[in-house]
C-alpha atoms as a PDB file:
ATOM      1  CA  UNK A   1       0.000   0.000   0.000  1.00  0.00           C
ATOM      2  CA  UNK A   2       1.361   3.399  -0.980  1.00  0.00           C
ATOM      3  CA  UNK A   3       1.347   6.122   1.677  1.00  0.00           C
ATOM      4  CA  UNK A   4       1.700   9.147  -0.584  1.00  0.00           C
ATOM      5  CA  UNK A   5       0.540  12.447   0.931  1.00  0.00           C
ATOM      6  CA  UNK A   6       1.345  15.689  -0.865  1.00  0.00           C
ATOM      7  CA  UNK A   7      -0.723  18.208   1.097  1.00  0.00           C
ATOM      8  CA  UNK A   8       0.466  20.585   3.793  1.00  0.00           C
ATOM      9  CA  UNK A   9       3.865  19.962   5.306  1.00  0.00           C
ATOM     10  CA  UNK A  10       4.177  16.696   3.372  1.00  0.00           C
ATOM     11  CA  UNK A  11       4.415  18.810   0.226  1.00  0.00           C
ATOM     12  CA  UNK A  12       7.558  20.423   1.634  1.00  0.00           C
ATOM     13  CA  UNK A  13       9.382  17.082   1.770  1.00  0.00           C
ATOM     14  CA  UNK A  14       8.601  16.772   5.482  1.00  0.00           C
ATOM     15  CA  UNK A  15       6.904  13.924   7.319  1.00  0.00           C
ATOM     16  CA  UNK A  16       4.213  15.522   9.479  1.00  0.00           C
ATOM     17  CA  UNK A  17       4.083  13.164  12.454  1.00  0.00           C
ATOM     18  CA  UNK A  18       1.570  15.356  14.277  1.00  0.00           C
ATOM     19  CA  UNK A  19      -0.829  15.090  11.353  1.00  0.00           C
ATOM     20  CA  UNK A  20      -0.424  11.303  11.260  1.00  0.00           C
ATOM     21  CA  UNK A  21      -1.430  11.080  14.921  1.00  0.00           C
ATOM     22  CA  UNK A  22      -4.117  13.709  14.454  1.00  0.00           C
ATOM     23  CA  UNK A  23      -2.853  16.069  17.168  1.00  0.00           C
ATOM     24  CA  UNK A  24      -1.952  19.788  17.104  1.00  0.00           C
ATOM     25  CA  UNK A  25       1.707  20.695  16.680  1.00  0.00           C
ATOM     26  CA  UNK A  26       1.814  21.927  20.280  1.00  0.00           C
ATOM     27  CA  UNK A  27       0.112  18.875  21.787  1.00  0.00           C
ATOM     28  CA  UNK A  28       1.281  17.854  25.247  1.00  0.00           C
ATOM     29  CA  UNK A  29       3.161  14.530  25.598  1.00  0.00           C
ATOM     30  CA  UNK A  30       0.353  12.993  27.651  1.00  0.00           C
ATOM     31  CA  UNK A  31      -2.167  13.914  24.943  1.00  0.00           C
ATOM     32  CA  UNK A  32       0.025  12.440  22.209  1.00  0.00           C
ATOM     33  CA  UNK A  33       0.385   9.211  24.175  1.00  0.00           C
ATOM     34  CA  UNK A  34      -3.355   9.061  24.814  1.00  0.00           C
ATOM     35  CA  UNK A  35      -4.055   9.523  21.104  1.00  0.00           C
ATOM     36  CA  UNK A  36      -1.436   6.967  20.121  1.00  0.00           C
ATOM     37  CA  UNK A  37      -2.915   4.324  22.427  1.00  0.00           C
ATOM     38  CA  UNK A  38      -6.356   5.012  21.000  1.00  0.00           C
ATOM     39  CA  UNK A  39      -5.076   4.606  17.431  1.00  0.00           C
ATOM     40  CA  UNK A  40      -3.085   1.484  18.323  1.00  0.00           C
ATOM     41  CA  UNK A  41      -6.256  -0.084  19.702  1.00  0.00           C
ATOM     42  CA  UNK A  42      -8.300   0.959  16.671  1.00  0.00           C
ATOM     43  CA  UNK A  43      -5.757  -0.469  14.211  1.00  0.00           C
ATOM     44  CA  UNK A  44      -4.883  -3.634  16.138  1.00  0.00           C
ATOM     45  CA  UNK A  45      -5.775  -6.879  14.311  1.00  0.00           C
ATOM     46  CA  UNK A  46      -8.070  -7.941  17.168  1.00  0.00           C
ATOM     47  CA  UNK A  47     -10.119  -4.779  16.706  1.00  0.00           C
ATOM     48  CA  UNK A  48     -10.494  -5.535  13.008  1.00  0.00           C
ATOM     49  CA  UNK A  49     -11.551  -9.151  13.503  1.00  0.00           C
ATOM     50  CA  UNK A  50     -14.990  -8.514  12.017  1.00  0.00           C
ATOM     51  CA  UNK A  51     -13.643  -6.469   9.111  1.00  0.00           C
ATOM     52  CA  UNK A  52     -12.656  -7.784   5.742  1.00  0.00           C
ATOM     53  CA  UNK A  53      -9.160  -9.032   4.965  1.00  0.00           C
ATOM     54  CA  UNK A  54      -8.324  -5.906   2.960  1.00  0.00           C
ATOM     55  CA  UNK A  55      -9.228  -3.554   5.824  1.00  0.00           C
ATOM     56  CA  UNK A  56      -7.315  -5.664   8.347  1.00  0.00           C
ATOM     57  CA  UNK A  57      -4.258  -5.455   6.132  1.00  0.00           C
ATOM     58  CA  UNK A  58      -4.644  -1.703   5.705  1.00  0.00           C
ATOM     59  CA  UNK A  59      -5.027  -1.253   9.446  1.00  0.00           C
ATOM     60  CA  UNK A  60      -1.872  -3.254  10.113  1.00  0.00           C
ATOM     61  CA  UNK A  61       0.085  -1.218   7.588  1.00  0.00           C
ATOM     62  CA  UNK A  62      -1.192   2.098   8.939  1.00  0.00           C
ATOM     63  CA  UNK A  63      -0.144   1.060  12.429  1.00  0.00           C
ATOM     64  CA  UNK A  64       3.294  -0.296  11.549  1.00  0.00           C
ATOM     65  CA  UNK A  65       4.317   2.145   8.827  1.00  0.00           C
ATOM     66  CA  UNK A  66       2.654   5.404   9.876  1.00  0.00           C
ATOM     67  CA  UNK A  67       1.358   5.537  13.435  1.00  0.00           C
ATOM     68  CA  UNK A  68       4.141   3.684  15.260  1.00  0.00           C
ATOM     69  CA  UNK A  69       6.990   5.614  13.527  1.00  0.00           C
ATOM     70  CA  UNK A  70       5.169   8.919  14.119  1.00  0.00           C
ATOM     71  CA  UNK A  71       4.779   8.291  17.826  1.00  0.00           C
ATOM     72  CA  UNK A  72       8.366   7.111  18.122  1.00  0.00           C
ATOM     73  CA  UNK A  73       9.593  10.326  16.479  1.00  0.00           C
ATOM     74  CA  UNK A  74       7.537  12.493  18.824  1.00  0.00           C
ATOM     75  CA  UNK A  75       8.176  10.554  22.014  1.00  0.00           C
ATOM     76  CA  UNK A  76      11.940  10.092  21.947  1.00  0.00           C
ATOM     77  CA  UNK A  77      13.856  13.060  23.274  1.00  0.00           C
ATOM     78  CA  UNK A  78      16.548  13.256  20.609  1.00  0.00           C
ATOM     79  CA  UNK A  79      14.190  12.669  17.675  1.00  0.00           C
ATOM     80  CA  UNK A  80      11.690  15.179  19.006  1.00  0.00           C
ATOM     81  CA  UNK A  81      14.222  17.987  19.426  1.00  0.00           C
ATOM     82  CA  UNK A  82      15.498  17.710  15.870  1.00  0.00           C
ATOM     83  CA  UNK A  83      11.988  17.292  14.506  1.00  0.00           C
ATOM     84  CA  UNK A  84      10.685  20.424  16.215  1.00  0.00           C
ATOM     85  CA  UNK A  85      13.609  22.487  14.934  1.00  0.00           C
ATOM     86  CA  UNK A  86      12.836  21.386  11.387  1.00  0.00           C
ATOM     87  CA  UNK A  87       9.135  22.002  11.931  1.00  0.00           C
ATOM     88  CA  UNK A  88       9.871  25.607  12.851  1.00  0.00           C
ATOM     89  CA  UNK A  89      12.130  26.034   9.827  1.00  0.00           C
ATOM     90  CA  UNK A  90       9.482  24.577   7.515  1.00  0.00           C
ATOM     91  CA  UNK A  91       6.958  27.114   8.789  1.00  0.00           C
ATOM     92  CA  UNK A  92       9.395  29.948   8.118  1.00  0.00           C
ATOM     93  CA  UNK A  93      10.247  28.524   4.695  1.00  0.00           C
ATOM     94  CA  UNK A  94       6.576  28.290   3.741  1.00  0.00           C
ATOM     95  CA  UNK A  95       6.005  31.877   4.859  1.00  0.00           C
ATOM     96  CA  UNK A  96       8.835  33.104   2.624  1.00  0.00           C
ATOM     97  CA  UNK A  97       7.440  31.104  -0.286  1.00  0.00           C
ATOM     98  CA  UNK A  98       3.770  31.635   0.503  1.00  0.00           C
ATOM     99  CA  UNK A  99       2.922  32.513  -3.097  1.00  0.00           C
ATOM    100  CA  UNK A 100       3.721  28.894  -4.002  1.00  0.00           C
ATOM    101  CA  UNK A 101       1.690  27.316  -1.175  1.00  0.00           C
ATOM    102  CA  UNK A 102      -1.486  25.693  -2.490  1.00  0.00           C
ATOM    103  CA  UNK A 103      -4.307  25.133  -0.003  1.00  0.00           C
ATOM    104  CA  UNK A 104      -6.856  22.530  -1.080  1.00  0.00           C
ATOM    105  CA  UNK A 105      -8.733  21.986   2.198  1.00  0.00           C
ATOM    106  CA  UNK A 106     -11.566  24.290   3.206  1.00  0.00           C
ATOM    107  CA  UNK A 107     -10.447  24.091   6.835  1.00  0.00           C
ATOM    108  CA  UNK A 108      -6.982  25.410   5.927  1.00  0.00           C
ATOM    109  CA  UNK A 109      -8.410  28.255   3.854  1.00  0.00           C
ATOM    110  CA  UNK A 110     -10.667  29.285   6.727  1.00  0.00           C
ATOM    111  CA  UNK A 111      -7.755  29.198   9.146  1.00  0.00           C
ATOM    112  CA  UNK A 112      -5.680  31.336   6.778  1.00  0.00           C
ATOM    113  CA  UNK A 113      -8.391  34.020   6.958  1.00  0.00           C
ATOM    114  CA  UNK A 114      -8.991  33.702  10.714  1.00  0.00           C
ATOM    115  CA  UNK A 115      -8.227  36.838  12.782  1.00  0.00           C
ATOM    116  CA  UNK A 116      -4.974  36.351  14.662  1.00  0.00           C
ATOM    117  CA  UNK A 117      -6.657  36.734  18.040  1.00  0.00           C
ATOM    118  CA  UNK A 118      -8.739  33.607  17.543  1.00  0.00           C
ATOM    119  CA  UNK A 119      -6.359  31.483  15.527  1.00  0.00           C
ATOM    120  CA  UNK A 120      -5.246  29.177  18.361  1.00  0.00           C
ATOM    121  CA  UNK A 121      -8.757  28.080  19.276  1.00  0.00           C
ATOM    122  CA  UNK A 122      -9.855  27.813  15.634  1.00  0.00           C
ATOM    123  CA  UNK A 123      -6.812  25.693  14.787  1.00  0.00           C
ATOM    124  CA  UNK A 124      -7.299  23.214  17.622  1.00  0.00           C
ATOM    125  CA  UNK A 125     -11.012  22.859  16.904  1.00  0.00           C
ATOM    126  CA  UNK A 126     -10.386  22.201  13.213  1.00  0.00           C
ATOM    127  CA  UNK A 127      -7.693  19.583  13.953  1.00  0.00           C
ATOM    128  CA  UNK A 128      -9.937  17.851  16.489  1.00  0.00           C
ATOM    129  CA  UNK A 129     -12.874  17.672  14.072  1.00  0.00           C
ATOM    130  CA  UNK A 130     -10.784  16.108  11.308  1.00  0.00           C
ATOM    131  CA  UNK A 131      -8.942  13.761  13.686  1.00  0.00           C
ATOM    132  CA  UNK A 132     -12.218  12.279  14.920  1.00  0.00           C
ATOM    133  CA  UNK A 133     -12.879  10.989  11.395  1.00  0.00           C
ATOM    134  CA  UNK A 134      -9.274  10.296  10.401  1.00  0.00           C
ATOM    135  CA  UNK A 135      -9.095   6.545  11.100  1.00  0.00           C
ATOM    136  CA  UNK A 136     -12.785   5.641  11.124  1.00  0.00           C
ATOM    137  CA  UNK A 137     -12.809   4.833   7.431  1.00  0.00           C
ATOM    138  CA  UNK A 138      -9.324   3.816   6.344  1.00  0.00           C
ATOM    139  CA  UNK A 139      -9.889   4.599   2.685  1.00  0.00           C
ATOM    140  CA  UNK A 140     -10.083   8.282   3.700  1.00  0.00           C
ATOM    141  CA  UNK A 141      -7.229   8.272   6.208  1.00  0.00           C
ATOM    142  CA  UNK A 142      -4.541   9.652   3.905  1.00  0.00           C
ATOM    143  CA  UNK A 143      -6.790  12.412   2.581  1.00  0.00           C
ATOM    144  CA  UNK A 144      -7.768  13.506   6.076  1.00  0.00           C
ATOM    145  CA  UNK A 145      -4.155  13.332   7.242  1.00  0.00           C
ATOM    146  CA  UNK A 146      -3.236  15.682   4.406  1.00  0.00           C
ATOM    147  CA  UNK A 147      -5.985  18.090   5.437  1.00  0.00           C
ATOM    148  CA  UNK A 148      -4.718  18.109   9.016  1.00  0.00           C
ATOM    149  CA  UNK A 149      -1.214  18.773   7.731  1.00  0.00           C
ATOM    150  CA  UNK A 150      -2.527  21.758   5.772  1.00  0.00           C
ATOM    151  CA  UNK A 151      -3.923  23.122   9.024  1.00  0.00           C
ATOM    152  CA  UNK A 152      -0.547  22.595  10.676  1.00  0.00           C
ATOM    153  CA  UNK A 153       1.192  24.392   7.827  1.00  0.00           C
ATOM    154  CA  UNK A 154      -1.146  27.382   7.896  1.00  0.00           C
ATOM    155  CA  UNK A 155      -0.903  27.633  11.683  1.00  0.00           C
ATOM    156  CA  UNK A 156       2.905  27.608  11.591  1.00  0.00           C
ATOM    157  CA  UNK A 157       2.951  30.183   8.792  1.00  0.00           C
ATOM    158  CA  UNK A 158       0.602  32.500  10.660  1.00  0.00           C
ATOM    159  CA  UNK A 159       2.704  32.186  13.807  1.00  0.00           C
ATOM    160  CA  UNK A 160       5.927  32.743  11.863  1.00  0.00           C
ATOM    161  CA  UNK A 161       4.399  35.863  10.309  1.00  0.00           C
ATOM    162  CA  UNK A 162       4.143  37.290  13.806  1.00  0.00           C
ATOM    163  CA  UNK A 163       7.635  36.150  14.689  1.00  0.00           C
ATOM    164  CA  UNK A 164       6.186  33.504  16.988  1.00  0.00           C
ATOM    165  CA  UNK A 165       6.390  29.757  17.412  1.00  0.00           C
ATOM    166  CA  UNK A 166       3.877  27.756  19.476  1.00  0.00           C
ATOM    167  CA  UNK A 167       5.294  28.299  22.955  1.00  0.00           C
ATOM    168  CA  UNK A 168       3.936  25.069  24.374  1.00  0.00           C
ATOM    169  CA  UNK A 169       6.378  23.168  22.160  1.00  0.00           C
ATOM    170  CA  UNK A 170       9.389  24.548  24.002  1.00  0.00           C
ATOM    171  CA  UNK A 171       7.808  24.350  27.449  1.00  0.00           C
ATOM    172  CA  UNK A 172       7.167  20.626  27.657  1.00  0.00           C
ATOM    173  CA  UNK A 173       7.655  18.775  30.894  1.00  0.00           C
ATOM    174  CA  UNK A 174       9.133  15.287  30.861  1.00  0.00           C
ATOM    175  CA  UNK A 175       6.909  12.232  30.828  1.00  0.00           C
ATOM    176  CA  UNK A 176       8.126  11.259  34.261  1.00  0.00           C
ATOM    177  CA  UNK A 177       6.939  14.572  35.669  1.00  0.00           C
ATOM    178  CA  UNK A 178       3.607  14.176  33.903  1.00  0.00           C
ATOM    179  CA  UNK A 179       3.294  10.649  35.258  1.00  0.00           C
ATOM    180  CA  UNK A 180       4.073  11.758  38.792  1.00  0.00           C
ATOM    181  CA  UNK A 181       1.522  14.556  38.615  1.00  0.00           C
ATOM    182  CA  UNK A 182      -1.230  12.314  37.282  1.00  0.00           C
ATOM    183  CA  UNK A 183      -0.390   9.308  39.434  1.00  0.00           C
ATOM    184  CA  UNK A 184       0.141   7.187  36.318  1.00  0.00           C
ATOM    185  CA  UNK A 185       3.149   5.058  35.544  1.00  0.00           C
ATOM    186  CA  UNK A 186       5.646   7.214  33.606  1.00  0.00           C
ATOM    187  CA  UNK A 187       6.884   6.196  30.179  1.00  0.00           C
ATOM    188  CA  UNK A 188      10.596   6.955  29.900  1.00  0.00           C
ATOM    189  CA  UNK A 189      10.591   6.961  26.091  1.00  0.00           C
ATOM    190  CA  UNK A 190       8.291   9.945  26.162  1.00  0.00           C
ATOM    191  CA  UNK A 191      10.710  12.297  27.882  1.00  0.00           C
ATOM    192  CA  UNK A 192      10.832  15.709  26.267  1.00  0.00           C
ATOM    193  CA  UNK A 193      13.850  17.977  26.846  1.00  0.00           C
ATOM    194  CA  UNK A 194      13.409  21.162  28.831  1.00  0.00           C
ATOM    195  CA  UNK A 195      16.153  22.837  26.805  1.00  0.00           C
ATOM    196  CA  UNK A 196      16.588  22.399  23.052  1.00  0.00           C
ATOM    197  CA  UNK A 197      19.695  20.817  21.586  1.00  0.00           C
ATOM    198  CA  UNK A 198      22.330  23.210  20.315  1.00  0.00           C
ATOM    199  CA  UNK A 199      22.517  24.020  16.629  1.00  0.00           C
ATOM    200  CA  UNK A 200      25.910  22.314  16.430  1.00  0.00           C
ATOM    201  CA  UNK A 201      24.595  19.128  18.043  1.00  0.00           C
ATOM    202  CA  UNK A 202      21.700  18.933  15.594  1.00  0.00           C
ATOM    203  CA  UNK A 203      24.021  19.458  12.615  1.00  0.00           C
ATOM    204  CA  UNK A 204      26.367  16.773  13.933  1.00  0.00           C
ATOM    205  CA  UNK A 205      23.437  14.352  14.070  1.00  0.00           C
ATOM    206  CA  UNK A 206      22.562  15.029  10.437  1.00  0.00           C
ATOM    207  CA  UNK A 207      26.168  14.600   9.355  1.00  0.00           C
ATOM    208  CA  UNK A 208      26.477  11.352  11.279  1.00  0.00           C
ATOM    209  CA  UNK A 209      23.319   9.886   9.785  1.00  0.00           C
ATOM    210  CA  UNK A 210      24.416  10.978   6.309  1.00  0.00           C
ATOM    211  CA  UNK A 211      27.727   9.209   6.837  1.00  0.00           C
ATOM    212  CA  UNK A 212      25.981   6.013   7.896  1.00  0.00           C
ATOM    213  CA  UNK A 213      23.742   6.105   4.826  1.00  0.00           C
ATOM    214  CA  UNK A 214      26.657   6.872   2.528  1.00  0.00           C
ATOM    215  CA  UNK A 215      28.513   3.873   3.937  1.00  0.00           C
ATOM    216  CA  UNK A 216      25.522   1.703   3.028  1.00  0.00           C
ATOM    217  CA  UNK A 217      25.443   3.385  -0.412  1.00  0.00           C
ATOM    218  CA  UNK A 218      22.020   4.810   0.394  1.00  0.00           C
ATOM    219  CA  UNK A 219      22.815   8.008  -1.470  1.00  0.00           C
ATOM    220  CA  UNK A 220      19.222   9.368  -1.672  1.00  0.00           C
ATOM    221  CA  UNK A 221      18.939   9.028   2.110  1.00  0.00           C
ATOM    222  CA  UNK A 222      22.289  10.733   2.681  1.00  0.00           C
ATOM    223  CA  UNK A 223      21.315  13.560   0.338  1.00  0.00           C
ATOM    224  CA  UNK A 224      18.050  14.123   2.196  1.00  0.00           C
ATOM    225  CA  UNK A 225      19.837  14.296   5.562  1.00  0.00           C
ATOM    226  CA  UNK A 226      22.339  16.820   4.226  1.00  0.00           C
ATOM    227  CA  UNK A 227      19.700  18.948   2.513  1.00  0.00           C
ATOM    228  CA  UNK A 228      17.758  19.061   5.777  1.00  0.00           C
ATOM    229  CA  UNK A 229      20.972  20.150   7.494  1.00  0.00           C
ATOM    230  CA  UNK A 230      21.311  22.987   4.980  1.00  0.00           C
ATOM    231  CA  UNK A 231      17.933  24.313   6.084  1.00  0.00           C
ATOM    232  CA  UNK A 232      19.555  24.965   9.454  1.00  0.00           C
ATOM    233  CA  UNK A 233      22.970  26.099   8.180  1.00  0.00           C
ATOM    234  CA  UNK A 234      22.755  27.159   4.499  1.00  0.00           C
ATOM    235  CA  UNK A 235      26.247  28.699   4.619  1.00  0.00           C
ATOM    236  CA  UNK A 236      28.056  25.713   6.071  1.00  0.00           C
ATOM    237  CA  UNK A 237      30.907  24.781   3.730  1.00  0.00           C
ATOM    238  CA  UNK A 238      31.326  21.291   5.171  1.00  0.00           C
ATOM    239  CA  UNK A 239      27.727  20.373   4.391  1.00  0.00           C
ATOM    240  CA  UNK A 240      28.034  21.666   0.832  1.00  0.00           C
ATOM    241  CA  UNK A 241      31.249  19.644   0.394  1.00  0.00           C
ATOM    242  CA  UNK A 242      29.540  16.565   1.766  1.00  0.00           C
ATOM    243  CA  UNK A 243      26.601  17.009  -0.577  1.00  0.00           C
ATOM    244  CA  UNK A 244      28.969  17.434  -3.510  1.00  0.00           C
ATOM    245  CA  UNK A 245      30.773  14.224  -2.550  1.00  0.00           C
ATOM    246  CA  UNK A 246      27.569  12.196  -2.204  1.00  0.00           C
ATOM    247  CA  UNK A 247      26.170  13.533  -5.468  1.00  0.00           C
ATOM    248  CA  UNK A 248      29.440  12.585  -7.147  1.00  0.00           C
ATOM    249  CA  UNK A 249      29.203   9.031  -5.824  1.00  0.00           C
ATOM    250  CA  UNK A 250      25.600   8.918  -7.067  1.00  0.00           C
ATOM    251  CA  UNK A 251      26.842   9.915 -10.555  1.00  0.00           C
ATOM    252  CA  UNK A 252      25.072  13.273 -10.400  1.00  0.00           C
ATOM    253  CA  UNK A 253      27.995  15.449 -11.420  1.00  0.00           C
ATOM    254  CA  UNK A 254      25.892  18.534 -12.141  1.00  0.00           C
ATOM    255  CA  UNK A 255      24.566  18.685  -8.584  1.00  0.00           C
ATOM    256  CA  UNK A 256      28.034  17.830  -7.261  1.00  0.00           C
ATOM    257  CA  UNK A 257      29.533  20.831  -9.071  1.00  0.00           C
ATOM    258  CA  UNK A 258      26.851  23.142  -7.678  1.00  0.00           C
ATOM    259  CA  UNK A 259      27.668  22.268  -4.084  1.00  0.00           C
ATOM    260  CA  UNK A 260      31.439  22.184  -4.520  1.00  0.00           C
ATOM    261  CA  UNK A 261      31.267  25.647  -6.082  1.00  0.00           C
ATOM    262  CA  UNK A 262      29.072  26.870  -3.265  1.00  0.00           C
ATOM    263  CA  UNK A 263      31.642  25.593  -0.779  1.00  0.00           C
ATOM    264  CA  UNK A 264      34.334  27.501  -2.663  1.00  0.00           C
ATOM    265  CA  UNK A 265      32.237  30.669  -2.584  1.00  0.00           C
ATOM    266  CA  UNK A 266      32.154  30.343   1.169  1.00  0.00           C
ATOM    267  CA  UNK A 267      35.848  29.500   1.398  1.00  0.00           C
ATOM    268  CA  UNK A 268      37.918  29.920  -1.812  1.00  0.00           C
ATOM    269  CA  UNK A 269      40.846  28.155  -0.113  1.00  0.00           C
ATOM    270  CA  UNK A 270      38.930  24.963   0.666  1.00  0.00           C
ATOM    271  CA  UNK A 271      41.284  22.314  -0.743  1.00  0.00           C
ATOM    272  CA  UNK A 272      38.685  19.562  -0.363  1.00  0.00           C
ATOM    273  CA  UNK A 273      36.118  21.479  -2.413  1.00  0.00           C
ATOM    274  CA  UNK A 274      38.814  22.213  -5.018  1.00  0.00           C
ATOM    275  CA  UNK A 275      39.626  18.528  -5.326  1.00  0.00           C
ATOM    276  CA  UNK A 276      35.936  17.616  -5.450  1.00  0.00           C
ATOM    277  CA  UNK A 277      35.263  20.124  -8.209  1.00  0.00           C
ATOM    278  CA  UNK A 278      38.294  18.841 -10.136  1.00  0.00           C
ATOM    279  CA  UNK A 279      36.827  15.342 -10.033  1.00  0.00           C
ATOM    280  CA  UNK A 280      33.301  16.496 -10.873  1.00  0.00           C
ATOM    281  CA  UNK A 281      34.407  18.802 -13.698  1.00  0.00           C
ATOM    282  CA  UNK A 282      37.881  17.694 -14.866  1.00  0.00           C
ATOM    283  CA  UNK A 283      37.717  19.562 -18.181  1.00  0.00           C
ATOM    284  CA  UNK A 284      37.127  23.002 -16.669  1.00  0.00           C
ATOM    285  CA  UNK A 285      39.430  22.233 -13.779  1.00  0.00           C
ATOM    286  CA  UNK A 286      42.254  21.422 -16.171  1.00  0.00           C
ATOM    287  CA  UNK A 287      41.738  24.699 -18.050  1.00  0.00           C
ATOM    288  CA  UNK A 288      41.901  26.719 -14.901  1.00  0.00           C
ATOM    289  CA  UNK A 289      38.199  27.393 -14.330  1.00  0.00           C
ATOM    290  CA  UNK A 290      38.300  25.656 -10.998  1.00  0.00           C
ATOM    291  CA  UNK A 291      40.900  27.103  -8.592  1.00  0.00           C
ATOM    292  CA  UNK A 292      43.900  24.893  -7.982  1.00  0.00           C
ATOM    293  CA  UNK A 293      45.236  24.601  -4.486  1.00  0.00           C
ATOM    294  CA  UNK A 294      48.927  24.968  -5.337  1.00  0.00           C
ATOM    295  CA  UNK A 295      48.287  28.019  -7.512  1.00  0.00           C
ATOM    296  CA  UNK A 296      46.893  29.785  -4.475  1.00  0.00           C
ATOM    297  CA  UNK A 297      49.631  28.676  -2.157  1.00  0.00           C
ATOM    298  CA  UNK A 298      47.447  25.947  -0.686  1.00  0.00           C
ATOM    299  CA  UNK A 299      48.634  22.370  -0.104  1.00  0.00           C
ATOM    300  CA  UNK A 300      48.068  19.869  -2.852  1.00  0.00           C
ATOM    301  CA  UNK A 301      44.573  18.284  -2.475  1.00  0.00           C
ATOM    302  CA  UNK A 302      46.105  14.807  -2.461  1.00  0.00           C
ATOM    303  CA  UNK A 303      48.262  15.877   0.467  1.00  0.00           C
ATOM    304  CA  UNK A 304      45.214  17.319   2.206  1.00  0.00           C
ATOM    305  CA  UNK A 305      43.370  14.060   1.644  1.00  0.00           C
ATOM    306  CA  UNK A 306      46.292  12.088   3.023  1.00  0.00           C
ATOM    307  CA  UNK A 307      46.469  14.232   6.134  1.00  0.00           C
ATOM    308  CA  UNK A 308      42.741  13.896   6.675  1.00  0.00           C
ATOM    309  CA  UNK A 309      43.021  10.139   6.537  1.00  0.00           C
ATOM    310  CA  UNK A 310      46.139  10.016   8.735  1.00  0.00           C
ATOM    311  CA  UNK A 311      45.774  11.919  12.029  1.00  0.00           C
ATOM    312  CA  UNK A 312      49.468  11.309  12.728  1.00  0.00           C
ATOM    313  CA  UNK A 313      50.587  13.156   9.616  1.00  0.00           C
ATOM    314  CA  UNK A 314      52.288  16.496  10.134  1.00  0.00           C
ATOM    315  CA  UNK A 315      49.820  19.355  10.310  1.00  0.00           C
ATOM    316  CA  UNK A 316      46.170  19.482  11.341  1.00  0.00           C
ATOM    317  CA  UNK A 317      43.851  17.276   9.319  1.00  0.00           C
ATOM    318  CA  UNK A 318      41.091  19.109   7.517  1.00  0.00           C
ATOM    319  CA  UNK A 319      38.548  16.415   8.293  1.00  0.00           C
ATOM    320  CA  UNK A 320      38.258  12.658   8.513  1.00  0.00           C
ATOM    321  CA  UNK A 321      36.277   9.805   6.997  1.00  0.00           C
ATOM    322  CA  UNK A 322      34.028   9.611   3.959  1.00  0.00           C
ATOM    323  CA  UNK A 323      34.799  10.604   0.368  1.00  0.00           C
ATOM    324  CA  UNK A 324      37.657  13.171   0.273  1.00  0.00           C
ATOM    325  CA  UNK A 325      37.767  12.987   4.085  1.00  0.00           C
ATOM    326  CA  UNK A 326      34.590  15.030   4.401  1.00  0.00           C
ATOM    327  CA  UNK A 327      33.469  13.697   7.782  1.00  0.00           C
ATOM    328  CA  UNK A 328      34.923  16.115  10.274  1.00  0.00           C
ATOM    329  CA  UNK A 329      34.730  19.542  11.826  1.00  0.00           C
ATOM    330  CA  UNK A 330      32.133  22.085  10.818  1.00  0.00           C
ATOM    331  CA  UNK A 331      33.254  24.813   8.453  1.00  0.00           C
ATOM    332  CA  UNK A 332      31.244  27.964   8.853  1.00  0.00           C
END
């Protein structure tokens, strides 16, 4: 079964886990867990015993491929922190590109026209109304999930337009505190950080995951991780170099050249980017279009590569691991 959703945040190459669970983007952890348990019960094979084989299969796939991954992303501390940072960036991106945002759901259009003073209440009511129907009839689940995601997108855009971000998202208490207050057994996997991860820590996570995917030759996955990282740090030379290297391994030399050149714009003396561009565009590099390291008084790229691979070599390595030694420190 194909789970293709193109509405709302999904249309921005973003998996809207809140929409999948049918909860607002600023839902409390206890409310997300309550909704997840309700959906898990609804989609469990025992609950579909009287349904046809096709619906039982759809329910199982919705639970294993959509609902479970969504709750895991929102309930684990590390995943949640990175996800929320991207969610905020997607709202800001959509606001900047609002002329290209297409709203197909009536609920989203109404929310877009709602006076700012009443937008919070209108948003939550609209999400609740759609969520009540979301998993009742599974043939409509994906459509309704897309409509909820459109509401999420409009809400984030409206908040970003006022320079705001739903404050409840950054004021979460941990699950253990919620459990203690309610007298219920706490769920450790649902812990939400009181303080967000640093920008550098989030970027490091993206780079690490990209490296793991590149090692497995999952180049599309590595490219997605690095492009998401660029949303946070568009002027990071290391990320552009990494993207160039992965594109080169994926035999996409045109995209490789774009990112190597961008890295050189940010740092004309970047020997790794020079070497990458030489490999991606040997003809122009040989005619002098691409800057050569030695011509600018820089070390030979092969020497730089060797130093990166050998920490004991004389001089400080530029970076380590990956194609051209691109797994290393963050260039700004």
